[in-house]
Amino acid sequence: MEEPFEAAGVRGVLHLPDNRNGDAMLLAHGAGSDCRSPLLVRLGRAFEESGFVVLRYDLQYRQQRPKGPPHPAGAARDREGIERAAEEVRKLADGGVFLGGHSYGGRQSAMLAASRPDLARALLLLSYPLHPAKQPEKLRTAFFPELRTPALFVHGTRDPLGSLEELREAMALIAARTDLLAVEGAAHDLARAAGLAVDIIERLRALTA
């Protein structure tokens, strides 16, 4: 069952499964999208079918304006919104909370987890934006050594914001357990990943076993 959700400055769509497994998954969108992203909708429904309470939600910048990318100055506010979303969802699930996000949403979730290792059981990072397109020297990995939360990276083999080789090198900086699910032929939008939900869930379970 899907229903609108709004509380404590958090806005999105809540998925409530018929048979809950006790866990919850939060899904944050990429820079140019919102919680209605086709990728998040498909994954949200797949996680719901597996018993997860799922919240697809709009980051703070998207709540303030319907279009346009986030401003770097507002990133801290976006992370505060992720933290509030996790706290709200924790009220609905007595098991683990998983933080997930596509591109910018995943990056901000991971940065928050680095400063709040108690916040989530694991991270689901869809198309992590390792660097800007055609600027491989501008890595977005400064916080990786501080990350203590297990992380599953789901990444396309044609993603211009980071190759699989670059991503594997970056993952070596993380002290926590990590895994990489490569999606053959997929670009940054990761459209093909929606059909891998079962594999994604199994890998997340293995990371936290």
C-alpha atoms as a PDB file:
ATOM      1  CA  MET A   1       0.000   0.000   0.000  1.00  0.00           C
ATOM      2  CA  GLU A   2       1.269   3.452  -0.942  1.00  0.00           C
ATOM      3  CA  GLU A   3       0.166   6.642   0.746  1.00  0.00           C
ATOM      4  CA  PRO A   4       1.372  10.258   0.983  1.00  0.00           C
ATOM      5  CA  PHE A   5       3.585  10.997   3.951  1.00  0.00           C
ATOM      6  CA  GLU A   6       4.290  14.330   5.594  1.00  0.00           C
ATOM      7  CA  ALA A   7       5.617  14.873   9.116  1.00  0.00           C
ATOM      8  CA  ALA A   8       8.376  16.814  10.857  1.00  0.00           C
ATOM      9  CA  GLY A   9       9.425  18.502   7.622  1.00  0.00           C
ATOM     10  CA  VAL A  10       9.626  15.175   5.783  1.00  0.00           C
ATOM     11  CA  ARG A  11       7.542  14.769   2.613  1.00  0.00           C
ATOM     12  CA  GLY A  12       7.189  11.754   0.373  1.00  0.00           C
ATOM     13  CA  VAL A  13       5.389   8.493  -0.303  1.00  0.00           C
ATOM     14  CA  LEU A  14       5.159   5.690   2.229  1.00  0.00           C
ATOM     15  CA  HIS A  15       4.978   2.020   1.238  1.00  0.00           C
ATOM     16  CA  LEU A  16       3.376  -0.202   3.886  1.00  0.00           C
ATOM     17  CA  PRO A  17       3.644  -3.952   3.203  1.00  0.00           C
ATOM     18  CA  ASP A  18       0.935  -6.424   4.165  1.00  0.00           C
ATOM     19  CA  ASN A  19       3.515  -8.577   5.931  1.00  0.00           C
ATOM     20  CA  ARG A  20       6.271  -6.506   7.502  1.00  0.00           C
ATOM     21  CA  ASN A  21       9.719  -7.957   8.102  1.00  0.00           C
ATOM     22  CA  GLY A  22      10.519  -5.266  10.682  1.00  0.00           C
ATOM     23  CA  ASP A  23      12.984  -3.326   8.529  1.00  0.00           C
ATOM     24  CA  ALA A  24      12.668  -0.001   6.730  1.00  0.00           C
ATOM     25  CA  MET A  25      14.265   1.412   3.585  1.00  0.00           C
ATOM     26  CA  LEU A  26      14.583   5.112   2.843  1.00  0.00           C
ATOM     27  CA  LEU A  27      15.052   6.141  -0.790  1.00  0.00           C
ATOM     28  CA  ALA A  28      16.294   9.627  -1.705  1.00  0.00           C
ATOM     29  CA  HIS A  29      16.327  10.940  -5.265  1.00  0.00           C
ATOM     30  CA  GLY A  30      19.079  12.338  -7.472  1.00  0.00           C
ATOM     31  CA  ALA A  31      19.862  15.999  -8.119  1.00  0.00           C
ATOM     32  CA  GLY A  32      17.473  16.502 -11.021  1.00  0.00           C
ATOM     33  CA  SER A  33      14.587  14.403  -9.783  1.00  0.00           C
ATOM     34  CA  ASP A  34      12.195  13.869  -6.888  1.00  0.00           C
ATOM     35  CA  CYS A  35      10.592  11.019  -4.964  1.00  0.00           C
ATOM     36  CA  ARG A  36       8.466  10.108  -8.010  1.00  0.00           C
ATOM     37  CA  SER A  37      11.549   8.998  -9.935  1.00  0.00           C
ATOM     38  CA  PRO A  38      10.702   5.804 -11.897  1.00  0.00           C
ATOM     39  CA  LEU A  39      13.769   4.083 -10.438  1.00  0.00           C
ATOM     40  CA  LEU A  40      12.722   4.848  -6.857  1.00  0.00           C
ATOM     41  CA  VAL A  41       9.103   3.901  -7.527  1.00  0.00           C
ATOM     42  CA  ARG A  42      10.071   0.490  -8.896  1.00  0.00           C
ATOM     43  CA  LEU A  43      12.574  -0.206  -6.138  1.00  0.00           C
ATOM     44  CA  GLY A  44      10.179   1.054  -3.486  1.00  0.00           C
ATOM     45  CA  ARG A  45       7.493  -1.368  -4.636  1.00  0.00           C
ATOM     46  CA  ALA A  46       9.977  -4.247  -4.791  1.00  0.00           C
ATOM     47  CA  PHE A  47      11.201  -3.596  -1.253  1.00  0.00           C
ATOM     48  CA  GLU A  48       7.586  -3.330  -0.095  1.00  0.00           C
ATOM     49  CA  GLU A  49       6.837  -6.745  -1.621  1.00  0.00           C
ATOM     50  CA  SER A  50       9.775  -8.105   0.407  1.00  0.00           C
ATOM     51  CA  GLY A  51       8.273  -6.804   3.639  1.00  0.00           C
ATOM     52  CA  PHE A  52      10.120  -3.510   4.051  1.00  0.00           C
ATOM     53  CA  VAL A  53       8.422  -0.315   5.159  1.00  0.00           C
ATOM     54  CA  VAL A  54       9.666   2.082   2.465  1.00  0.00           C
ATOM     55  CA  LEU A  55       9.767   5.856   2.379  1.00  0.00           C
ATOM     56  CA  ARG A  56      10.504   7.588  -0.904  1.00  0.00           C
ATOM     57  CA  TYR A  57      11.022  11.219   0.044  1.00  0.00           C
ATOM     58  CA  ASP A  58      11.909  14.643  -1.300  1.00  0.00           C
ATOM     59  CA  LEU A  59      15.124  16.221  -0.081  1.00  0.00           C
ATOM     60  CA  GLN A  60      14.854  19.690   1.436  1.00  0.00           C
ATOM     61  CA  TYR A  61      15.906  21.579  -1.695  1.00  0.00           C
ATOM     62  CA  ARG A  62      13.226  19.805  -3.702  1.00  0.00           C
ATOM     63  CA  GLN A  63      10.593  20.711  -1.158  1.00  0.00           C
ATOM     64  CA  GLN A  64      11.576  24.355  -1.628  1.00  0.00           C
ATOM     65  CA  ARG A  65      11.415  24.357  -5.426  1.00  0.00           C
ATOM     66  CA  PRO A  66       9.947  21.855  -7.899  1.00  0.00           C
ATOM     67  CA  LYS A  67      12.804  21.971 -10.401  1.00  0.00           C
ATOM     68  CA  GLY A  68      16.516  22.656 -10.603  1.00  0.00           C
ATOM     69  CA  PRO A  69      19.614  21.134  -9.002  1.00  0.00           C
ATOM     70  CA  PRO A  70      20.604  21.484  -5.344  1.00  0.00           C
ATOM     71  CA  HIS A  71      22.912  24.291  -4.220  1.00  0.00           C
ATOM     72  CA  PRO A  72      26.129  23.227  -2.457  1.00  0.00           C
ATOM     73  CA  ALA A  73      25.327  25.637   0.371  1.00  0.00           C
ATOM     74  CA  GLY A  74      22.156  23.675   1.099  1.00  0.00           C
ATOM     75  CA  ALA A  75      23.744  20.225   1.383  1.00  0.00           C
ATOM     76  CA  ALA A  76      23.859  20.315   5.188  1.00  0.00           C
ATOM     77  CA  ARG A  77      20.147  21.107   5.268  1.00  0.00           C
ATOM     78  CA  ASP A  78      19.481  18.166   2.951  1.00  0.00           C
ATOM     79  CA  ARG A  79      21.376  15.882   5.344  1.00  0.00           C
ATOM     80  CA  GLU A  80      19.310  17.188   8.244  1.00  0.00           C
ATOM     81  CA  GLY A  81      16.226  16.214   6.257  1.00  0.00           C
ATOM     82  CA  ILE A  82      17.600  12.700   5.732  1.00  0.00           C
ATOM     83  CA  GLU A  83      18.211  12.392   9.465  1.00  0.00           C
ATOM     84  CA  ARG A  84      14.637  13.455  10.247  1.00  0.00           C
ATOM     85  CA  ALA A  85      13.301  11.000   7.674  1.00  0.00           C
ATOM     86  CA  ALA A  86      15.221   8.175   9.333  1.00  0.00           C
ATOM     87  CA  GLU A  87      13.870   9.156  12.741  1.00  0.00           C
ATOM     88  CA  GLU A  88      10.292   9.234  11.445  1.00  0.00           C
ATOM     89  CA  VAL A  89      10.568   5.867   9.709  1.00  0.00           C
ATOM     90  CA  ARG A  90      12.127   4.321  12.809  1.00  0.00           C
ATOM     91  CA  LYS A  91       8.747   4.855  14.498  1.00  0.00           C
ATOM     92  CA  LEU A  92       7.170   2.502  11.949  1.00  0.00           C
ATOM     93  CA  ALA A  93       9.729  -0.324  11.998  1.00  0.00           C
ATOM     94  CA  ASP A  94      11.258  -2.106  14.971  1.00  0.00           C
ATOM     95  CA  GLY A  95      14.091  -3.642  12.957  1.00  0.00           C
ATOM     96  CA  GLY A  96      16.908  -2.024  11.004  1.00  0.00           C
ATOM     97  CA  VAL A  97      16.799   1.185   9.016  1.00  0.00           C
ATOM     98  CA  PHE A  98      18.532   1.182   5.632  1.00  0.00           C
ATOM     99  CA  LEU A  99      19.490   4.463   3.970  1.00  0.00           C
ATOM    100  CA  GLY A 100      19.327   4.463   0.194  1.00  0.00           C
ATOM    101  CA  GLY A 101      19.653   7.057  -2.489  1.00  0.00           C
ATOM    102  CA  HIS A 102      20.321   7.669  -6.153  1.00  0.00           C
ATOM    103  CA  SER A 103      23.353   9.817  -7.031  1.00  0.00           C
ATOM    104  CA  TYR A 104      23.137  13.032  -4.967  1.00  0.00           C
ATOM    105  CA  GLY A 105      20.656  11.447  -2.565  1.00  0.00           C
ATOM    106  CA  GLY A 106      23.007   8.519  -1.979  1.00  0.00           C
ATOM    107  CA  ARG A 107      26.007  10.776  -1.538  1.00  0.00           C
ATOM    108  CA  GLN A 108      24.274  12.890   1.109  1.00  0.00           C
ATOM    109  CA  SER A 109      23.002   9.761   2.864  1.00  0.00           C
ATOM    110  CA  ALA A 110      26.526   8.342   2.978  1.00  0.00           C
ATOM    111  CA  MET A 111      27.980  11.612   4.269  1.00  0.00           C
ATOM    112  CA  LEU A 112      25.381  11.640   7.032  1.00  0.00           C
ATOM    113  CA  ALA A 113      26.128   8.020   7.921  1.00  0.00           C
ATOM    114  CA  ALA A 114      29.831   8.860   8.209  1.00  0.00           C
ATOM    115  CA  SER A 115      28.987  11.344  10.965  1.00  0.00           C
ATOM    116  CA  ARG A 116      26.175   9.211  12.449  1.00  0.00           C
ATOM    117  CA  PRO A 117      27.332   5.569  12.328  1.00  0.00           C
ATOM    118  CA  ASP A 118      24.400   4.550  14.529  1.00  0.00           C
ATOM    119  CA  LEU A 119      21.783   5.877  12.107  1.00  0.00           C
ATOM    120  CA  ALA A 120      21.503   3.024   9.605  1.00  0.00           C
ATOM    121  CA  ARG A 121      22.199  -0.681   9.378  1.00  0.00           C
ATOM    122  CA  ALA A 122      23.515  -0.322   5.821  1.00  0.00           C
ATOM    123  CA  LEU A 123      23.603   1.986   2.803  1.00  0.00           C
ATOM    124  CA  LEU A 124      22.231   1.418  -0.678  1.00  0.00           C
ATOM    125  CA  LEU A 125      24.146   3.738  -3.018  1.00  0.00           C
ATOM    126  CA  LEU A 126      22.683   3.840  -6.504  1.00  0.00           C
ATOM    127  CA  SER A 127      25.017   5.435  -9.074  1.00  0.00           C
ATOM    128  CA  TYR A 128      27.270   7.042  -6.489  1.00  0.00           C
ATOM    129  CA  PRO A 129      28.547  10.277  -8.163  1.00  0.00           C
ATOM    130  CA  LEU A 130      32.234   9.587  -7.679  1.00  0.00           C
ATOM    131  CA  HIS A 131      33.267  12.713  -9.572  1.00  0.00           C
ATOM    132  CA  PRO A 132      31.737  15.239 -12.009  1.00  0.00           C
ATOM    133  CA  ALA A 133      31.556  14.081 -15.618  1.00  0.00           C
ATOM    134  CA  LYS A 134      34.936  14.342 -17.369  1.00  0.00           C
ATOM    135  CA  GLN A 135      36.602  15.557 -14.139  1.00  0.00           C
ATOM    136  CA  PRO A 136      38.008  12.388 -12.539  1.00  0.00           C
ATOM    137  CA  GLU A 137      40.447  14.436 -10.448  1.00  0.00           C
ATOM    138  CA  LYS A 138      37.570  15.923  -8.403  1.00  0.00           C
ATOM    139  CA  LEU A 139      36.780  12.887  -6.301  1.00  0.00           C
ATOM    140  CA  ARG A 140      33.903  13.008  -3.822  1.00  0.00           C
ATOM    141  CA  THR A 141      35.444  10.537  -1.416  1.00  0.00           C
ATOM    142  CA  ALA A 142      37.003  12.663   1.335  1.00  0.00           C
ATOM    143  CA  PHE A 143      34.705  11.161   3.963  1.00  0.00           C
ATOM    144  CA  PHE A 144      35.061   7.524   2.861  1.00  0.00           C
ATOM    145  CA  PRO A 145      37.730   6.671   5.481  1.00  0.00           C
ATOM    146  CA  GLU A 146      35.312   7.771   8.233  1.00  0.00           C
ATOM    147  CA  LEU A 147      32.444   5.632   6.940  1.00  0.00           C
ATOM    148  CA  ARG A 148      31.658   2.734   9.295  1.00  0.00           C
ATOM    149  CA  THR A 149      28.314   1.683   7.829  1.00  0.00           C
ATOM    150  CA  PRO A 150      28.212  -1.276   5.408  1.00  0.00           C
ATOM    151  CA  ALA A 151      27.490  -0.086   1.875  1.00  0.00           C
ATOM    152  CA  LEU A 152      26.178  -1.685  -1.301  1.00  0.00           C
ATOM    153  CA  PHE A 153      27.081   0.220  -4.456  1.00  0.00           C
ATOM    154  CA  VAL A 154      24.892  -0.396  -7.521  1.00  0.00           C
ATOM    155  CA  HIS A 155      26.638   1.088 -10.532  1.00  0.00           C
ATOM    156  CA  GLY A 156      26.265   1.053 -14.300  1.00  0.00           C
ATOM    157  CA  THR A 157      29.165   0.090 -16.538  1.00  0.00           C
ATOM    158  CA  ARG A 158      28.521   3.212 -18.669  1.00  0.00           C
ATOM    159  CA  ASP A 159      28.236   5.743 -15.844  1.00  0.00           C
ATOM    160  CA  PRO A 160      30.216   8.902 -16.771  1.00  0.00           C
ATOM    161  CA  LEU A 161      30.450   9.948 -13.110  1.00  0.00           C
ATOM    162  CA  GLY A 162      32.709   7.060 -12.224  1.00  0.00           C
ATOM    163  CA  SER A 163      33.973   3.859 -13.817  1.00  0.00           C
ATOM    164  CA  LEU A 164      33.821   0.515 -12.043  1.00  0.00           C
ATOM    165  CA  GLU A 165      37.606   0.554 -11.684  1.00  0.00           C
ATOM    166  CA  GLU A 166      37.527   4.015 -10.105  1.00  0.00           C
ATOM    167  CA  LEU A 167      34.732   2.980  -7.802  1.00  0.00           C
ATOM    168  CA  ARG A 168      36.516  -0.163  -6.637  1.00  0.00           C
ATOM    169  CA  GLU A 169      39.579   1.917  -5.770  1.00  0.00           C
ATOM    170  CA  ALA A 170      37.403   4.335  -3.800  1.00  0.00           C
ATOM    171  CA  MET A 171      35.596   1.545  -1.957  1.00  0.00           C
ATOM    172  CA  ALA A 172      38.938   0.327  -0.629  1.00  0.00           C
ATOM    173  CA  LEU A 173      39.030   3.503   1.480  1.00  0.00           C
ATOM    174  CA  ILE A 174      35.977   2.400   3.456  1.00  0.00           C
ATOM    175  CA  ALA A 175      36.642   0.450   6.647  1.00  0.00           C
ATOM    176  CA  ALA A 176      33.157  -1.091   6.740  1.00  0.00           C
ATOM    177  CA  ARG A 177      32.004  -4.019   4.620  1.00  0.00           C
ATOM    178  CA  THR A 178      31.173  -3.077   1.030  1.00  0.00           C
ATOM    179  CA  ASP A 179      29.832  -4.758  -2.073  1.00  0.00           C
ATOM    180  CA  LEU A 180      29.474  -3.703  -5.710  1.00  0.00           C
ATOM    181  CA  LEU A 181      26.665  -4.764  -8.011  1.00  0.00           C
ATOM    182  CA  ALA A 182      27.624  -3.834 -11.570  1.00  0.00           C
ATOM    183  CA  VAL A 183      24.776  -3.228 -14.005  1.00  0.00           C
ATOM    184  CA  GLU A 184      25.967  -4.050 -17.516  1.00  0.00           C
ATOM    185  CA  GLY A 185      25.246  -1.330 -20.079  1.00  0.00           C
ATOM    186  CA  ALA A 186      23.556   1.014 -17.607  1.00  0.00           C
ATOM    187  CA  ALA A 187      24.273   4.730 -17.520  1.00  0.00           C
ATOM    188  CA  HIS A 188      23.917   7.108 -14.575  1.00  0.00           C
ATOM    189  CA  ASP A 189      20.108   6.916 -14.580  1.00  0.00           C
ATOM    190  CA  LEU A 190      20.468   3.221 -13.728  1.00  0.00           C
ATOM    191  CA  ALA A 191      17.161   2.449 -15.398  1.00  0.00           C
ATOM    192  CA  ARG A 192      18.065  -1.224 -15.731  1.00  0.00           C
ATOM    193  CA  ALA A 193      18.642  -1.651 -12.003  1.00  0.00           C
ATOM    194  CA  ALA A 194      14.935  -1.775 -11.172  1.00  0.00           C
ATOM    195  CA  GLY A 195      14.842  -5.405 -12.277  1.00  0.00           C
ATOM    196  CA  LEU A 196      17.649  -6.308  -9.884  1.00  0.00           C
ATOM    197  CA  ALA A 197      15.690  -5.647  -6.700  1.00  0.00           C
ATOM    198  CA  VAL A 198      15.861  -9.253  -5.490  1.00  0.00           C
ATOM    199  CA  ASP A 199      19.634  -9.334  -5.979  1.00  0.00           C
ATOM    200  CA  ILE A 200      19.969  -5.945  -4.241  1.00  0.00           C
ATOM    201  CA  ILE A 201      17.980  -7.125  -1.222  1.00  0.00           C
ATOM    202  CA  GLU A 202      19.986 -10.365  -0.979  1.00  0.00           C
ATOM    203  CA  ARG A 203      23.274  -8.475  -1.105  1.00  0.00           C
ATOM    204  CA  LEU A 204      22.127  -6.017   1.567  1.00  0.00           C
ATOM    205  CA  ARG A 205      21.170  -8.939   3.783  1.00  0.00           C
ATOM    206  CA  ALA A 206      24.585 -10.524   3.242  1.00  0.00           C
ATOM    207  CA  LEU A 207      26.335  -7.281   4.141  1.00  0.00           C
ATOM    208  CA  THR A 208      24.536  -7.090   7.468  1.00  0.00           C
ATOM    209  CA  ALA A 209      24.518 -10.785   8.350  1.00  0.00           C
END
